[in-house]
Amino acid sequence: MKKNNNIKEWYMQEFPSDECGESISEKATFTGVLVMMSVHSDVYDYLGIVDSVIRERIFEEISDRMSCDYDDVYNVWLYGCDYERERRWYA
């Protein structure tokens, strides 16, 4: 079964008691977050929120969906798509 790509719908199902989830943009998708990170755009603006807990939960879900570590998603957010190349240079 294909997972829902709409972040707000997913978030409200996973965290129904978190009223802050209502603030998430209706248009935000997991794919969109990845695109925003790849072009160094502001993920918070894209999501329509400024809540780091929500962002962390979304990044956790992305890491689950991509079968990678949370740190990998977080580091791409911080450093952009060149993170893997940069990490190898400085290892």
PDB file of N, CA and C in Angstrom:
ATOM      1  N   MET A   1       0.840  -1.182   0.000  1.00  0.00           N
ATOM      2  CA  MET A   1       0.000   0.000   0.000  1.00  0.00           C
ATOM      3  C   MET A   1       0.887   1.249   0.000  1.00  0.00           C
ATOM      4  N   LYS A   2       0.593   2.187  -0.891  1.00  0.00           N
ATOM      5  CA  LYS A   2       1.359   3.420  -0.994  1.00  0.00           C
ATOM      6  C   LYS A   2       1.036   4.337   0.176  1.00  0.00           C
ATOM      7  N   LYS A   3       2.076   4.920   0.763  1.00  0.00           N
ATOM      8  CA  LYS A   3       1.875   5.833   1.888  1.00  0.00           C
ATOM      9  C   LYS A   3       1.409   7.192   1.393  1.00  0.00           C
ATOM     10  N   ASN A   4       0.616   7.860   2.210  1.00  0.00           N
ATOM     11  CA  ASN A   4       0.107   9.189   1.911  1.00  0.00           C
ATOM     12  C   ASN A   4       1.269  10.171   1.809  1.00  0.00           C
ATOM     13  N   ASN A   5       1.326  10.945   0.732  1.00  0.00           N
ATOM     14  CA  ASN A   5       2.398  11.916   0.528  1.00  0.00           C
ATOM     15  C   ASN A   5       2.053  13.280   1.128  1.00  0.00           C
ATOM     16  N   ASN A   6       0.776  13.524   1.448  1.00  0.00           N
ATOM     17  CA  ASN A   6       0.359  14.800   2.012  1.00  0.00           C
ATOM     18  C   ASN A   6       0.730  14.849   3.490  1.00  0.00           C
ATOM     19  N   ILE A   7       1.539  15.820   3.860  1.00  0.00           N
ATOM     20  CA  ILE A   7       2.063  15.873   5.223  1.00  0.00           C
ATOM     21  C   ILE A   7       0.980  16.167   6.247  1.00  0.00           C
ATOM     22  N   LYS A   8       0.122  17.130   5.968  1.00  0.00           N
ATOM     23  CA  LYS A   8      -0.906  17.492   6.952  1.00  0.00           C
ATOM     24  C   LYS A   8      -1.833  16.315   7.240  1.00  0.00           C
ATOM     25  N   GLU A   9      -2.275  15.623   6.195  1.00  0.00           N
ATOM     26  CA  GLU A   9      -3.142  14.455   6.395  1.00  0.00           C
ATOM     27  C   GLU A   9      -2.426  13.388   7.217  1.00  0.00           C
ATOM     28  N   TRP A  10      -1.168  13.101   6.852  1.00  0.00           N
ATOM     29  CA  TRP A  10      -0.385  12.103   7.595  1.00  0.00           C
ATOM     30  C   TRP A  10      -0.229  12.535   9.046  1.00  0.00           C
ATOM     31  N   TYR A  11       0.152  13.802   9.251  1.00  0.00           N
ATOM     32  CA  TYR A  11       0.430  14.292  10.595  1.00  0.00           C
ATOM     33  C   TYR A  11      -0.812  14.219  11.475  1.00  0.00           C
ATOM     34  N   MET A  12      -1.940  14.618  10.952  1.00  0.00           N
ATOM     35  CA  MET A  12      -3.169  14.624  11.746  1.00  0.00           C
ATOM     36  C   MET A  12      -3.612  13.203  12.101  1.00  0.00           C
ATOM     37  N   GLN A  13      -3.285  12.231  11.257  1.00  0.00           N
ATOM     38  CA  GLN A  13      -3.574  10.828  11.592  1.00  0.00           C
ATOM     39  C   GLN A  13      -2.622  10.305  12.659  1.00  0.00           C
ATOM     40  N   GLU A  14      -1.351  10.653  12.529  1.00  0.00           N
ATOM     41  CA  GLU A  14      -0.331  10.156  13.456  1.00  0.00           C
ATOM     42  C   GLU A  14      -0.347  10.865  14.809  1.00  0.00           C
ATOM     43  N   PHE A  15      -0.673  12.142  14.818  1.00  0.00           N
ATOM     44  CA  PHE A  15      -0.625  12.958  16.031  1.00  0.00           C
ATOM     45  C   PHE A  15      -1.922  13.758  16.187  1.00  0.00           C
ATOM     46  N   PRO A  16      -3.047  13.063  16.347  1.00  0.00           N
ATOM     47  CA  PRO A  16      -4.347  13.750  16.373  1.00  0.00           C
ATOM     48  C   PRO A  16      -4.517  14.724  17.535  1.00  0.00           C
ATOM     49  N   SER A  17      -3.783  14.546  18.608  1.00  0.00           N
ATOM     50  CA  SER A  17      -3.936  15.444  19.756  1.00  0.00           C
ATOM     51  C   SER A  17      -3.076  16.705  19.643  1.00  0.00           C
ATOM     52  N   ASP A  18      -2.214  16.777  18.628  1.00  0.00           N
ATOM     53  CA  ASP A  18      -1.359  17.949  18.441  1.00  0.00           C
ATOM     54  C   ASP A  18      -2.093  18.965  17.567  1.00  0.00           C
ATOM     55  N   GLU A  19      -2.688  19.943  18.202  1.00  0.00           N
ATOM     56  CA  GLU A  19      -3.459  20.957  17.485  1.00  0.00           C
ATOM     57  C   GLU A  19      -2.599  21.809  16.559  1.00  0.00           C
ATOM     58  N   CYS A  20      -1.305  21.856  16.810  1.00  0.00           N
ATOM     59  CA  CYS A  20      -0.408  22.632  15.951  1.00  0.00           C
ATOM     60  C   CYS A  20      -0.353  22.060  14.534  1.00  0.00           C
ATOM     61  N   GLY A  21      -0.694  20.796  14.394  1.00  0.00           N
ATOM     62  CA  GLY A  21      -0.700  20.170  13.074  1.00  0.00           C
ATOM     63  C   GLY A  21      -1.660  20.836  12.108  1.00  0.00           C
ATOM     64  N   GLU A  22      -2.672  21.490  12.646  1.00  0.00           N
ATOM     65  CA  GLU A  22      -3.632  22.207  11.798  1.00  0.00           C
ATOM     66  C   GLU A  22      -2.967  23.324  11.010  1.00  0.00           C
ATOM     67  N   SER A  23      -1.836  23.804  11.495  1.00  0.00           N
ATOM     68  CA  SER A  23      -1.134  24.912  10.844  1.00  0.00           C
ATOM     69  C   SER A  23      -0.303  24.476   9.643  1.00  0.00           C
ATOM     70  N   ILE A  24      -0.091  23.189   9.478  1.00  0.00           N
ATOM     71  CA  ILE A  24       0.711  22.688   8.364  1.00  0.00           C
ATOM     72  C   ILE A  24       0.000  23.013   7.050  1.00  0.00           C
ATOM     73  N   SER A  25       0.744  23.454   6.074  1.00  0.00           N
ATOM     74  CA  SER A  25       0.181  23.778   4.764  1.00  0.00           C
ATOM     75  C   SER A  25      -0.532  22.578   4.157  1.00  0.00           C
ATOM     76  N   GLU A  26      -1.684  22.831   3.591  1.00  0.00           N
ATOM     77  CA  GLU A  26      -2.467  21.787   2.910  1.00  0.00           C
ATOM     78  C   GLU A  26      -1.708  21.216   1.714  1.00  0.00           C
ATOM     79  N   LYS A  27      -0.844  22.022   1.122  1.00  0.00           N
ATOM     80  CA  LYS A  27      -0.144  21.634  -0.105  1.00  0.00           C
ATOM     81  C   LYS A  27       1.179  20.918   0.149  1.00  0.00           C
ATOM     82  N   ALA A  28       1.655  20.920   1.379  1.00  0.00           N
ATOM     83  CA  ALA A  28       2.971  20.341   1.685  1.00  0.00           C
ATOM     84  C   ALA A  28       2.961  18.827   1.533  1.00  0.00           C
ATOM     85  N   THR A  29       3.980  18.325   0.849  1.00  0.00           N
ATOM     86  CA  THR A  29       4.142  16.877   0.675  1.00  0.00           C
ATOM     87  C   THR A  29       5.549  16.477   1.115  1.00  0.00           C
ATOM     88  N   PHE A  30       5.720  15.184   1.357  1.00  0.00           N
ATOM     89  CA  PHE A  30       7.053  14.684   1.718  1.00  0.00           C
ATOM     90  C   PHE A  30       8.019  14.895   0.553  1.00  0.00           C
ATOM     91  N   THR A  31       7.546  14.672  -0.652  1.00  0.00           N
ATOM     92  CA  THR A  31       8.383  14.904  -1.823  1.00  0.00           C
ATOM     93  C   THR A  31       8.790  16.369  -1.901  1.00  0.00           C
ATOM     94  N   GLY A  32       7.846  17.261  -1.627  1.00  0.00           N
ATOM     95  CA  GLY A  32       8.127  18.690  -1.651  1.00  0.00           C
ATOM     96  C   GLY A  32       9.182  19.095  -0.642  1.00  0.00           C
ATOM     97  N   VAL A  33       9.150  18.495   0.541  1.00  0.00           N
ATOM     98  CA  VAL A  33      10.164  18.795   1.558  1.00  0.00           C
ATOM     99  C   VAL A  33      11.543  18.414   1.035  1.00  0.00           C
ATOM    100  N   LEU A  34      11.641  17.256   0.408  1.00  0.00           N
ATOM    101  CA  LEU A  34      12.931  16.827  -0.140  1.00  0.00           C
ATOM    102  C   LEU A  34      13.419  17.787  -1.219  1.00  0.00           C
ATOM    103  N   VAL A  35      12.508  18.252  -2.055  1.00  0.00           N
ATOM    104  CA  VAL A  35      12.887  19.211  -3.091  1.00  0.00           C
ATOM    105  C   VAL A  35      13.356  20.517  -2.448  1.00  0.00           C
ATOM    106  N   MET A  36      12.627  20.996  -1.454  1.00  0.00           N
ATOM    107  CA  MET A  36      13.009  22.235  -0.771  1.00  0.00           C
ATOM    108  C   MET A  36      14.397  22.116  -0.157  1.00  0.00           C
ATOM    109  N   MET A  37      14.678  20.969   0.461  1.00  0.00           N
ATOM    110  CA  MET A  37      16.004  20.782   1.053  1.00  0.00           C
ATOM    111  C   MET A  37      17.081  20.748  -0.021  1.00  0.00           C
ATOM    112  N   SER A  38      16.766  20.153  -1.176  1.00  0.00           N
ATOM    113  CA  SER A  38      17.785  20.005  -2.220  1.00  0.00           C
ATOM    114  C   SER A  38      18.156  21.338  -2.851  1.00  0.00           C
ATOM    115  N   VAL A  39      17.270  22.319  -2.792  1.00  0.00           N
ATOM    116  CA  VAL A  39      17.567  23.633  -3.366  1.00  0.00           C
ATOM    117  C   VAL A  39      17.805  24.675  -2.279  1.00  0.00           C
ATOM    118  N   HIS A  40      18.022  24.211  -1.066  1.00  0.00           N
ATOM    119  CA  HIS A  40      18.326  25.063   0.084  1.00  0.00           C
ATOM    120  C   HIS A  40      17.228  26.087   0.389  1.00  0.00           C
ATOM    121  N   SER A  41      15.975  25.714   0.126  1.00  0.00           N
ATOM    122  CA  SER A  41      14.861  26.598   0.465  1.00  0.00           C
ATOM    123  C   SER A  41      14.432  26.352   1.907  1.00  0.00           C
ATOM    124  N   ASP A  42      13.725  27.311   2.465  1.00  0.00           N
ATOM    125  CA  ASP A  42      13.299  27.235   3.858  1.00  0.00           C
ATOM    126  C   ASP A  42      12.170  26.219   4.026  1.00  0.00           C
ATOM    127  N   VAL A  43      12.468  25.123   4.680  1.00  0.00           N
ATOM    128  CA  VAL A  43      11.490  24.060   4.908  1.00  0.00           C
ATOM    129  C   VAL A  43      10.343  24.568   5.773  1.00  0.00           C
ATOM    130  N   TYR A  44      10.656  25.402   6.753  1.00  0.00           N
ATOM    131  CA  TYR A  44       9.605  25.938   7.609  1.00  0.00           C
ATOM    132  C   TYR A  44       8.601  26.758   6.804  1.00  0.00           C
ATOM    133  N   ASP A  45       9.083  27.590   5.889  1.00  0.00           N
ATOM    134  CA  ASP A  45       8.178  28.361   5.031  1.00  0.00           C
ATOM    135  C   ASP A  45       7.309  27.432   4.194  1.00  0.00           C
ATOM    136  N   TYR A  46       7.926  26.407   3.635  1.00  0.00           N
ATOM    137  CA  TYR A  46       7.200  25.451   2.801  1.00  0.00           C
ATOM    138  C   TYR A  46       6.100  24.755   3.600  1.00  0.00           C
ATOM    139  N   LEU A  47       6.425  24.356   4.824  1.00  0.00           N
ATOM    140  CA  LEU A  47       5.456  23.644   5.672  1.00  0.00           C
ATOM    141  C   LEU A  47       4.407  24.585   6.263  1.00  0.00           C
ATOM    142  N   GLY A  48       4.737  25.858   6.358  1.00  0.00           N
ATOM    143  CA  GLY A  48       3.814  26.812   6.954  1.00  0.00           C
ATOM    144  C   GLY A  48       3.824  26.789   8.465  1.00  0.00           C
ATOM    145  N   ILE A  49       4.886  26.276   9.036  1.00  0.00           N
ATOM    146  CA  ILE A  49       5.018  26.168  10.500  1.00  0.00           C
ATOM    147  C   ILE A  49       6.404  26.648  10.915  1.00  0.00           C
ATOM    148  N   VAL A  50       6.561  26.887  12.215  1.00  0.00           N
ATOM    149  CA  VAL A  50       7.880  27.219  12.773  1.00  0.00           C
ATOM    150  C   VAL A  50       8.172  26.334  13.983  1.00  0.00           C
ATOM    151  N   ASP A  51       7.528  25.202  14.049  1.00  0.00           N
ATOM    152  CA  ASP A  51       7.618  24.295  15.190  1.00  0.00           C
ATOM    153  C   ASP A  51       8.660  23.211  14.918  1.00  0.00           C
ATOM    154  N   SER A  52       9.725  23.192  15.710  1.00  0.00           N
ATOM    155  CA  SER A  52      10.792  22.215  15.483  1.00  0.00           C
ATOM    156  C   SER A  52      10.360  20.790  15.804  1.00  0.00           C
ATOM    157  N   VAL A  53       9.403  20.604  16.710  1.00  0.00           N
ATOM    158  CA  VAL A  53       8.913  19.253  17.018  1.00  0.00           C
ATOM    159  C   VAL A  53       8.217  18.664  15.795  1.00  0.00           C
ATOM    160  N   ILE A  54       7.387  19.468  15.137  1.00  0.00           N
ATOM    161  CA  ILE A  54       6.708  18.996  13.923  1.00  0.00           C
ATOM    162  C   ILE A  54       7.740  18.682  12.849  1.00  0.00           C
ATOM    163  N   ARG A  55       8.719  19.574  12.663  1.00  0.00           N
ATOM    164  CA  ARG A  55       9.763  19.324  11.670  1.00  0.00           C
ATOM    165  C   ARG A  55      10.510  18.029  11.967  1.00  0.00           C
ATOM    166  N   GLU A  56      10.854  17.809  13.228  1.00  0.00           N
ATOM    167  CA  GLU A  56      11.556  16.581  13.602  1.00  0.00           C
ATOM    168  C   GLU A  56      10.715  15.349  13.297  1.00  0.00           C
ATOM    169  N   ARG A  57       9.430  15.400  13.584  1.00  0.00           N
ATOM    170  CA  ARG A  57       8.544  14.265  13.292  1.00  0.00           C
ATOM    171  C   ARG A  57       8.457  14.007  11.788  1.00  0.00           C
ATOM    172  N   ILE A  58       8.416  15.071  11.020  1.00  0.00           N
ATOM    173  CA  ILE A  58       8.380  14.926   9.562  1.00  0.00           C
ATOM    174  C   ILE A  58       9.691  14.334   9.063  1.00  0.00           C
ATOM    175  N   PHE A  59      10.812  14.807   9.578  1.00  0.00           N
ATOM    176  CA  PHE A  59      12.110  14.252   9.183  1.00  0.00           C
ATOM    177  C   PHE A  59      12.226  12.786   9.586  1.00  0.00           C
ATOM    178  N   GLU A  60      11.699  12.416  10.740  1.00  0.00           N
ATOM    179  CA  GLU A  60      11.698  11.007  11.155  1.00  0.00           C
ATOM    180  C   GLU A  60      10.915  10.162  10.164  1.00  0.00           C
ATOM    181  N   GLU A  61       9.766  10.671   9.731  1.00  0.00           N
ATOM    182  CA  GLU A  61       8.958   9.927   8.767  1.00  0.00           C
ATOM    183  C   GLU A  61       9.680   9.820   7.426  1.00  0.00           C
ATOM    184  N   ILE A  62      10.336  10.893   7.003  1.00  0.00           N
ATOM    185  CA  ILE A  62      11.106  10.836   5.762  1.00  0.00           C
ATOM    186  C   ILE A  62      12.203   9.783   5.879  1.00  0.00           C
ATOM    187  N   SER A  63      12.896   9.758   7.011  1.00  0.00           N
ATOM    188  CA  SER A  63      13.963   8.762   7.179  1.00  0.00           C
ATOM    189  C   SER A  63      13.400   7.347   7.153  1.00  0.00           C
ATOM    190  N   ASP A  64      12.219   7.141   7.730  1.00  0.00           N
ATOM    191  CA  ASP A  64      11.579   5.818   7.667  1.00  0.00           C
ATOM    192  C   ASP A  64      11.224   5.457   6.226  1.00  0.00           C
ATOM    193  N   ARG A  65      10.635   6.395   5.525  1.00  0.00           N
ATOM    194  CA  ARG A  65      10.220   6.131   4.147  1.00  0.00           C
ATOM    195  C   ARG A  65      11.407   5.896   3.228  1.00  0.00           C
ATOM    196  N   MET A  66      12.525   6.535   3.511  1.00  0.00           N
ATOM    197  CA  MET A  66      13.712   6.396   2.668  1.00  0.00           C
ATOM    198  C   MET A  66      14.684   5.336   3.186  1.00  0.00           C
ATOM    199  N   SER A  67      14.332   4.721   4.307  1.00  0.00           N
ATOM    200  CA  SER A  67      15.198   3.705   4.926  1.00  0.00           C
ATOM    201  C   SER A  67      16.610   4.232   5.142  1.00  0.00           C
ATOM    202  N   CYS A  68      16.673   5.412   5.752  1.00  0.00           N
ATOM    203  CA  CYS A  68      17.966   5.984   6.089  1.00  0.00           C
ATOM    204  C   CYS A  68      17.899   6.519   7.512  1.00  0.00           C
ATOM    205  N   ASP A  69      19.038   6.936   8.029  1.00  0.00           N
ATOM    206  CA  ASP A  69      19.088   7.482   9.382  1.00  0.00           C
ATOM    207  C   ASP A  69      18.482   8.884   9.420  1.00  0.00           C
ATOM    208  N   TYR A  70      17.888   9.217  10.547  1.00  0.00           N
ATOM    209  CA  TYR A  70      17.373  10.569  10.758  1.00  0.00           C
ATOM    210  C   TYR A  70      18.484  11.594  10.541  1.00  0.00           C
ATOM    211  N   ASP A  71      19.681  11.280  11.025  1.00  0.00           N
ATOM    212  CA  ASP A  71      20.814  12.204  10.885  1.00  0.00           C
ATOM    213  C   ASP A  71      21.119  12.530   9.430  1.00  0.00           C
ATOM    214  N   ASP A  72      20.901  11.570   8.534  1.00  0.00           N
ATOM    215  CA  ASP A  72      21.140  11.830   7.116  1.00  0.00           C
ATOM    216  C   ASP A  72      20.171  12.890   6.596  1.00  0.00           C
ATOM    217  N   VAL A  73      18.891  12.765   6.964  1.00  0.00           N
ATOM    218  CA  VAL A  73      17.888  13.747   6.545  1.00  0.00           C
ATOM    219  C   VAL A  73      18.206  15.102   7.169  1.00  0.00           C
ATOM    220  N   TYR A  74      18.513  15.086   8.450  1.00  0.00           N
ATOM    221  CA  TYR A  74      18.817  16.326   9.170  1.00  0.00           C
ATOM    222  C   TYR A  74      20.022  17.041   8.559  1.00  0.00           C
ATOM    223  N   ASN A  75      21.059  16.286   8.224  1.00  0.00           N
ATOM    224  CA  ASN A  75      22.270  16.887   7.668  1.00  0.00           C
ATOM    225  C   ASN A  75      22.056  17.431   6.259  1.00  0.00           C
ATOM    226  N   VAL A  76      21.209  16.784   5.466  1.00  0.00           N
ATOM    227  CA  VAL A  76      20.881  17.344   4.157  1.00  0.00           C
ATOM    228  C   VAL A  76      20.143  18.659   4.354  1.00  0.00           C
ATOM    229  N   TRP A  77      19.259  18.728   5.352  1.00  0.00           N
ATOM    230  CA  TRP A  77      18.548  19.968   5.655  1.00  0.00           C
ATOM    231  C   TRP A  77      19.543  21.068   6.048  1.00  0.00           C
ATOM    232  N   LEU A  78      20.502  20.720   6.893  1.00  0.00           N
ATOM    233  CA  LEU A  78      21.476  21.720   7.345  1.00  0.00           C
ATOM    234  C   LEU A  78      22.466  22.131   6.267  1.00  0.00           C
ATOM    235  N   TYR A  79      22.974  21.139   5.539  1.00  0.00           N
ATOM    236  CA  TYR A  79      24.104  21.385   4.644  1.00  0.00           C
ATOM    237  C   TYR A  79      23.779  21.280   3.160  1.00  0.00           C
ATOM    238  N   GLY A  80      22.597  20.808   2.822  1.00  0.00           N
ATOM    239  CA  GLY A  80      22.219  20.644   1.426  1.00  0.00           C
ATOM    240  C   GLY A  80      22.627  19.293   0.876  1.00  0.00           C
ATOM    241  N   CYS A  81      22.368  19.116  -0.394  1.00  0.00           N
ATOM    242  CA  CYS A  81      22.602  17.825  -1.043  1.00  0.00           C
ATOM    243  C   CYS A  81      24.061  17.439  -1.130  1.00  0.00           C
ATOM    244  N   ASP A  82      24.964  18.386  -0.984  1.00  0.00           N
ATOM    245  CA  ASP A  82      26.382  18.072  -1.046  1.00  0.00           C
ATOM    246  C   ASP A  82      26.889  17.462   0.253  1.00  0.00           C
ATOM    247  N   TYR A  83      26.010  17.254   1.223  1.00  0.00           N
ATOM    248  CA  TYR A  83      26.437  16.754   2.525  1.00  0.00           C
ATOM    249  C   TYR A  83      27.234  15.462   2.405  1.00  0.00           C
ATOM    250  N   GLU A  84      26.746  14.497   1.641  1.00  0.00           N
ATOM    251  CA  GLU A  84      27.436  13.203   1.552  1.00  0.00           C
ATOM    252  C   GLU A  84      28.844  13.386   0.979  1.00  0.00           C
ATOM    253  N   ARG A  85      28.968  14.189  -0.055  1.00  0.00           N
ATOM    254  CA  ARG A  85      30.283  14.425  -0.651  1.00  0.00           C
ATOM    255  C   ARG A  85      31.186  15.147   0.342  1.00  0.00           C
ATOM    256  N   GLU A  86      30.670  16.166   0.985  1.00  0.00           N
ATOM    257  CA  GLU A  86      31.450  16.943   1.956  1.00  0.00           C
ATOM    258  C   GLU A  86      31.886  16.060   3.122  1.00  0.00           C
ATOM    259  N   ARG A  87      30.995  15.212   3.582  1.00  0.00           N
ATOM    260  CA  ARG A  87      31.323  14.362   4.729  1.00  0.00           C
ATOM    261  C   ARG A  87      32.486  13.440   4.378  1.00  0.00           C
ATOM    262  N   ARG A  88      32.499  12.910   3.173  1.00  0.00           N
ATOM    263  CA  ARG A  88      33.604  12.022   2.771  1.00  0.00           C
ATOM    264  C   ARG A  88      34.920  12.804   2.695  1.00  0.00           C
ATOM    265  N   TRP A  89      34.873  14.073   2.270  1.00  0.00           N
ATOM    266  CA  TRP A  89      36.090  14.853   2.185  1.00  0.00           C
ATOM    267  C   TRP A  89      36.706  15.108   3.538  1.00  0.00           C
ATOM    268  N   TYR A  90      35.885  15.305   4.532  1.00  0.00           N
ATOM    269  CA  TYR A  90      36.390  15.673   5.852  1.00  0.00           C
ATOM    270  C   TYR A  90      36.460  14.510   6.832  1.00  0.00           C
ATOM    271  N   ALA A  91      36.163  13.308   6.390  1.00  0.00           N
ATOM    272  CA  ALA A  91      36.185  12.137   7.284  1.00  0.00           C
ATOM    273  C   ALA A  91      37.600  11.718   7.611  1.00  0.00           C
TER     274      ALA A  91
END
